[in-house]
Amino acid sequence: MTARALSGQGMDAAVRAVAAQAHQTPAGESTTVSVRSVYRWLAEDDRDEPAVPEPAAPVILDDYRRRVLARLARERRADPF
C-alpha cells in the first residue's frame, strides 16, 4: 500500500484498493478486510516505528567508504609494494 501511495496514488485510494483485494489468512484461507482495518494496521505500524528515523543508506555507505579508503591509504603508505 505504501508503494501505491508513493507512486502517486492517494492514500485513501491506496487503502481502498488494498481492502478490495483478497488476502490469505495464516491458515491459507482467502478473506477480505475492511477499509477501517487497513487504517488500523497503518496506525499500528506508525506506533511501532522508531521516533527518530535511521540514517539513509547513502550516508552509511559514504562513511564506510571513507573509512575503507583511509585504511587502504594507511596500508599503502606502510607497504607501498
N, C-alpha and C. Protein backbone atom coordinates (compact mmCIF):
# COMPACT_ATOMS: atom_id res chain seq x y z
N MET A 1 0.81 -1.17 0.00
CA MET A 1 0.00 0.00 0.00
C MET A 1 0.86 1.25 0.00
N THR A 2 1.93 1.24 0.75
CA THR A 2 2.83 2.39 0.75
C THR A 2 3.38 2.62 -0.65
N ALA A 3 3.68 1.54 -1.35
CA ALA A 3 4.18 1.67 -2.71
C ALA A 3 3.15 2.34 -3.60
N ARG A 4 1.89 2.02 -3.41
CA ARG A 4 0.83 2.67 -4.18
C ARG A 4 0.80 4.17 -3.88
N ALA A 5 0.88 4.51 -2.61
CA ALA A 5 0.83 5.92 -2.22
C ALA A 5 2.05 6.67 -2.75
N LEU A 6 3.22 6.04 -2.69
CA LEU A 6 4.44 6.70 -3.17
C LEU A 6 4.46 6.82 -4.69
N SER A 7 3.72 5.97 -5.37
CA SER A 7 3.69 6.04 -6.83
C SER A 7 2.73 7.10 -7.35
N GLY A 8 2.10 7.83 -6.44
CA GLY A 8 1.24 8.92 -6.85
C GLY A 8 -0.23 8.68 -6.56
N GLN A 9 -0.59 7.46 -6.21
CA GLN A 9 -1.97 7.18 -5.86
C GLN A 9 -2.22 7.77 -4.47
N GLY A 10 -3.34 8.42 -4.27
CA GLY A 10 -3.65 8.98 -2.96
C GLY A 10 -3.76 7.88 -1.92
N MET A 11 -3.51 8.23 -0.66
CA MET A 11 -3.55 7.24 0.41
C MET A 11 -4.94 6.62 0.52
N ASP A 12 -5.98 7.43 0.41
CA ASP A 12 -7.33 6.89 0.51
C ASP A 12 -7.59 5.87 -0.60
N ALA A 13 -7.19 6.20 -1.81
CA ALA A 13 -7.37 5.27 -2.93
C ALA A 13 -6.54 4.01 -2.73
N ALA A 14 -5.32 4.16 -2.21
CA ALA A 14 -4.46 3.01 -1.96
C ALA A 14 -5.07 2.10 -0.90
N VAL A 15 -5.59 2.69 0.16
CA VAL A 15 -6.22 1.89 1.22
C VAL A 15 -7.42 1.14 0.67
N ARG A 16 -8.23 1.81 -0.12
CA ARG A 16 -9.42 1.16 -0.69
C ARG A 16 -9.03 0.03 -1.65
N ALA A 17 -7.97 0.24 -2.42
CA ALA A 17 -7.51 -0.80 -3.35
C ALA A 17 -7.02 -2.03 -2.59
N VAL A 18 -6.28 -1.81 -1.51
CA VAL A 18 -5.77 -2.93 -0.71
C VAL A 18 -6.94 -3.65 -0.04
N ALA A 19 -7.90 -2.89 0.46
CA ALA A 19 -9.05 -3.51 1.12
C ALA A 19 -9.88 -4.34 0.14
N ALA A 20 -9.90 -3.95 -1.13
CA ALA A 20 -10.68 -4.67 -2.13
C ALA A 20 -10.03 -5.97 -2.58
N GLN A 21 -8.77 -6.14 -2.29
CA GLN A 21 -8.05 -7.36 -2.70
C GLN A 21 -8.40 -8.53 -1.78
N ALA A 22 -8.23 -9.72 -2.30
CA ALA A 22 -8.36 -10.92 -1.47
C ALA A 22 -7.03 -11.13 -0.75
N HIS A 23 -7.10 -11.49 0.52
CA HIS A 23 -5.91 -11.71 1.35
C HIS A 23 -5.93 -13.13 1.89
N GLN A 24 -4.76 -13.66 2.19
CA GLN A 24 -4.63 -15.01 2.73
C GLN A 24 -4.50 -14.94 4.25
N THR A 25 -5.25 -15.75 4.94
CA THR A 25 -5.11 -15.86 6.39
C THR A 25 -3.93 -16.78 6.68
N PRO A 26 -3.45 -16.81 7.92
CA PRO A 26 -2.37 -17.75 8.26
C PRO A 26 -2.74 -19.21 7.97
N ALA A 27 -4.04 -19.50 7.99
CA ALA A 27 -4.49 -20.87 7.71
C ALA A 27 -4.61 -21.14 6.21
N GLY A 28 -4.33 -20.12 5.39
CA GLY A 28 -4.38 -20.30 3.95
C GLY A 28 -5.72 -20.02 3.31
N GLU A 29 -6.66 -19.52 4.09
CA GLU A 29 -7.99 -19.21 3.56
C GLU A 29 -7.99 -17.81 2.95
N SER A 30 -8.83 -17.62 1.94
CA SER A 30 -8.96 -16.31 1.31
C SER A 30 -9.99 -15.48 2.08
N THR A 31 -9.66 -14.21 2.30
CA THR A 31 -10.58 -13.33 3.03
C THR A 31 -10.45 -11.90 2.52
N THR A 32 -11.39 -11.08 2.87
CA THR A 32 -11.31 -9.65 2.57
C THR A 32 -11.22 -8.89 3.89
N VAL A 33 -10.78 -7.66 3.81
CA VAL A 33 -10.67 -6.83 5.01
C VAL A 33 -11.39 -5.51 4.74
N SER A 34 -11.75 -4.84 5.81
CA SER A 34 -12.43 -3.56 5.65
C SER A 34 -11.41 -2.43 5.53
N VAL A 35 -11.87 -1.32 4.99
CA VAL A 35 -11.03 -0.12 4.89
C VAL A 35 -10.58 0.28 6.30
N ARG A 36 -11.50 0.20 7.25
CA ARG A 36 -11.17 0.56 8.63
C ARG A 36 -10.03 -0.30 9.18
N SER A 37 -10.05 -1.59 8.88
CA SER A 37 -8.98 -2.49 9.34
C SER A 37 -7.63 -2.07 8.77
N VAL A 38 -7.62 -1.72 7.49
CA VAL A 38 -6.36 -1.29 6.87
C VAL A 38 -5.83 -0.04 7.55
N TYR A 39 -6.71 0.92 7.83
CA TYR A 39 -6.28 2.14 8.53
C TYR A 39 -5.79 1.81 9.94
N ARG A 40 -6.41 0.85 10.61
CA ARG A 40 -5.93 0.44 11.95
C ARG A 40 -4.54 -0.17 11.85
N TRP A 41 -4.31 -0.99 10.83
CA TRP A 41 -2.99 -1.59 10.65
C TRP A 41 -1.94 -0.51 10.40
N LEU A 42 -2.30 0.48 9.61
CA LEU A 42 -1.37 1.59 9.35
C LEU A 42 -1.04 2.33 10.64
N ALA A 43 -2.06 2.57 11.46
CA ALA A 43 -1.84 3.27 12.73
C ALA A 43 -0.93 2.44 13.65
N GLU A 44 -1.12 1.12 13.67
CA GLU A 44 -0.26 0.26 14.48
C GLU A 44 1.18 0.30 13.99
N ASP A 45 1.36 0.28 12.69
CA ASP A 45 2.71 0.36 12.13
C ASP A 45 3.37 1.68 12.49
N ASP A 46 2.61 2.77 12.47
CA ASP A 46 3.16 4.07 12.83
C ASP A 46 3.61 4.10 14.29
N ARG A 47 2.86 3.45 15.16
CA ARG A 47 3.23 3.42 16.58
C ARG A 47 4.48 2.57 16.80
N ASP A 48 4.68 1.55 15.97
CA ASP A 48 5.83 0.67 16.13
C ASP A 48 7.11 1.25 15.56
N GLU A 49 7.02 2.29 14.75
CA GLU A 49 8.20 2.89 14.13
C GLU A 49 9.00 3.65 15.17
N PRO A 50 10.33 3.68 15.04
CA PRO A 50 11.14 4.48 15.96
C PRO A 50 10.84 5.96 15.78
N ALA A 51 10.95 6.72 16.86
CA ALA A 51 10.66 8.16 16.81
C ALA A 51 11.67 8.90 15.95
N VAL A 52 12.92 8.45 15.96
CA VAL A 52 13.97 9.10 15.19
C VAL A 52 14.27 8.22 13.99
N PRO A 53 14.16 8.76 12.78
CA PRO A 53 14.46 7.93 11.61
C PRO A 53 15.93 7.54 11.55
N GLU A 54 16.19 6.36 11.05
CA GLU A 54 17.57 5.91 10.89
C GLU A 54 18.22 6.67 9.74
N PRO A 55 19.54 6.80 9.76
CA PRO A 55 20.21 7.50 8.66
C PRO A 55 19.96 6.79 7.34
N ALA A 56 19.92 7.55 6.30
CA ALA A 56 19.71 6.98 4.97
C ALA A 56 20.91 6.13 4.58
N ALA A 57 20.69 5.13 3.77
CA ALA A 57 21.76 4.22 3.35
C ALA A 57 22.95 4.95 2.72
N PRO A 58 22.76 5.96 1.85
CA PRO A 58 23.93 6.63 1.27
C PRO A 58 24.86 7.24 2.32
N VAL A 59 24.28 7.75 3.41
CA VAL A 59 25.12 8.32 4.47
C VAL A 59 25.98 7.23 5.09
N ILE A 60 25.39 6.10 5.36
CA ILE A 60 26.13 4.98 5.95
C ILE A 60 27.20 4.50 4.98
N LEU A 61 26.85 4.35 3.72
CA LEU A 61 27.81 3.89 2.74
C LEU A 61 28.94 4.89 2.53
N ASP A 62 28.62 6.18 2.52
CA ASP A 62 29.66 7.20 2.37
C ASP A 62 30.64 7.14 3.53
N ASP A 63 30.15 6.98 4.76
CA ASP A 63 31.03 6.89 5.92
C ASP A 63 31.88 5.63 5.83
N TYR A 64 31.28 4.52 5.47
CA TYR A 64 32.00 3.26 5.33
C TYR A 64 33.07 3.38 4.25
N ARG A 65 32.69 3.97 3.12
CA ARG A 65 33.64 4.15 2.01
C ARG A 65 34.82 5.00 2.45
N ARG A 66 34.54 6.08 3.18
CA ARG A 66 35.61 6.96 3.66
C ARG A 66 36.56 6.19 4.57
N ARG A 67 36.02 5.37 5.48
CA ARG A 67 36.88 4.61 6.40
C ARG A 67 37.70 3.56 5.67
N VAL A 68 37.10 2.89 4.69
CA VAL A 68 37.83 1.87 3.93
C VAL A 68 38.96 2.51 3.13
N LEU A 69 38.68 3.62 2.46
CA LEU A 69 39.71 4.29 1.68
C LEU A 69 40.84 4.81 2.55
N ALA A 70 40.50 5.32 3.74
CA ALA A 70 41.53 5.79 4.67
C ALA A 70 42.41 4.63 5.11
N ARG A 71 41.81 3.49 5.39
CA ARG A 71 42.58 2.31 5.80
C ARG A 71 43.49 1.84 4.67
N LEU A 72 42.96 1.80 3.44
CA LEU A 72 43.79 1.39 2.31
C LEU A 72 44.96 2.36 2.10
N ALA A 73 44.73 3.64 2.28
CA ALA A 73 45.81 4.63 2.13
C ALA A 73 46.87 4.40 3.20
N ARG A 74 46.46 4.13 4.44
CA ARG A 74 47.44 3.86 5.51
C ARG A 74 48.26 2.61 5.20
N GLU A 75 47.58 1.57 4.74
CA GLU A 75 48.29 0.33 4.42
C GLU A 75 49.24 0.53 3.24
N ARG A 76 48.85 1.30 2.28
CA ARG A 76 49.72 1.54 1.13
C ARG A 76 50.96 2.34 1.53
N ARG A 77 50.77 3.33 2.41
CA ARG A 77 51.92 4.09 2.91
C ARG A 77 52.87 3.19 3.69
N ALA A 78 52.30 2.27 4.47
CA ALA A 78 53.13 1.37 5.27
C ALA A 78 53.85 0.34 4.41
N ASP A 79 53.24 -0.11 3.33
CA ASP A 79 53.82 -1.13 2.48
C ASP A 79 53.50 -0.79 1.02
N PRO A 80 54.29 0.08 0.38
CA PRO A 80 53.97 0.56 -0.95
C PRO A 80 54.02 -0.52 -2.03
N PHE A 81 54.59 -1.67 -1.76
CA PHE A 81 54.67 -2.70 -2.80
C PHE A 81 53.91 -3.87 -2.37
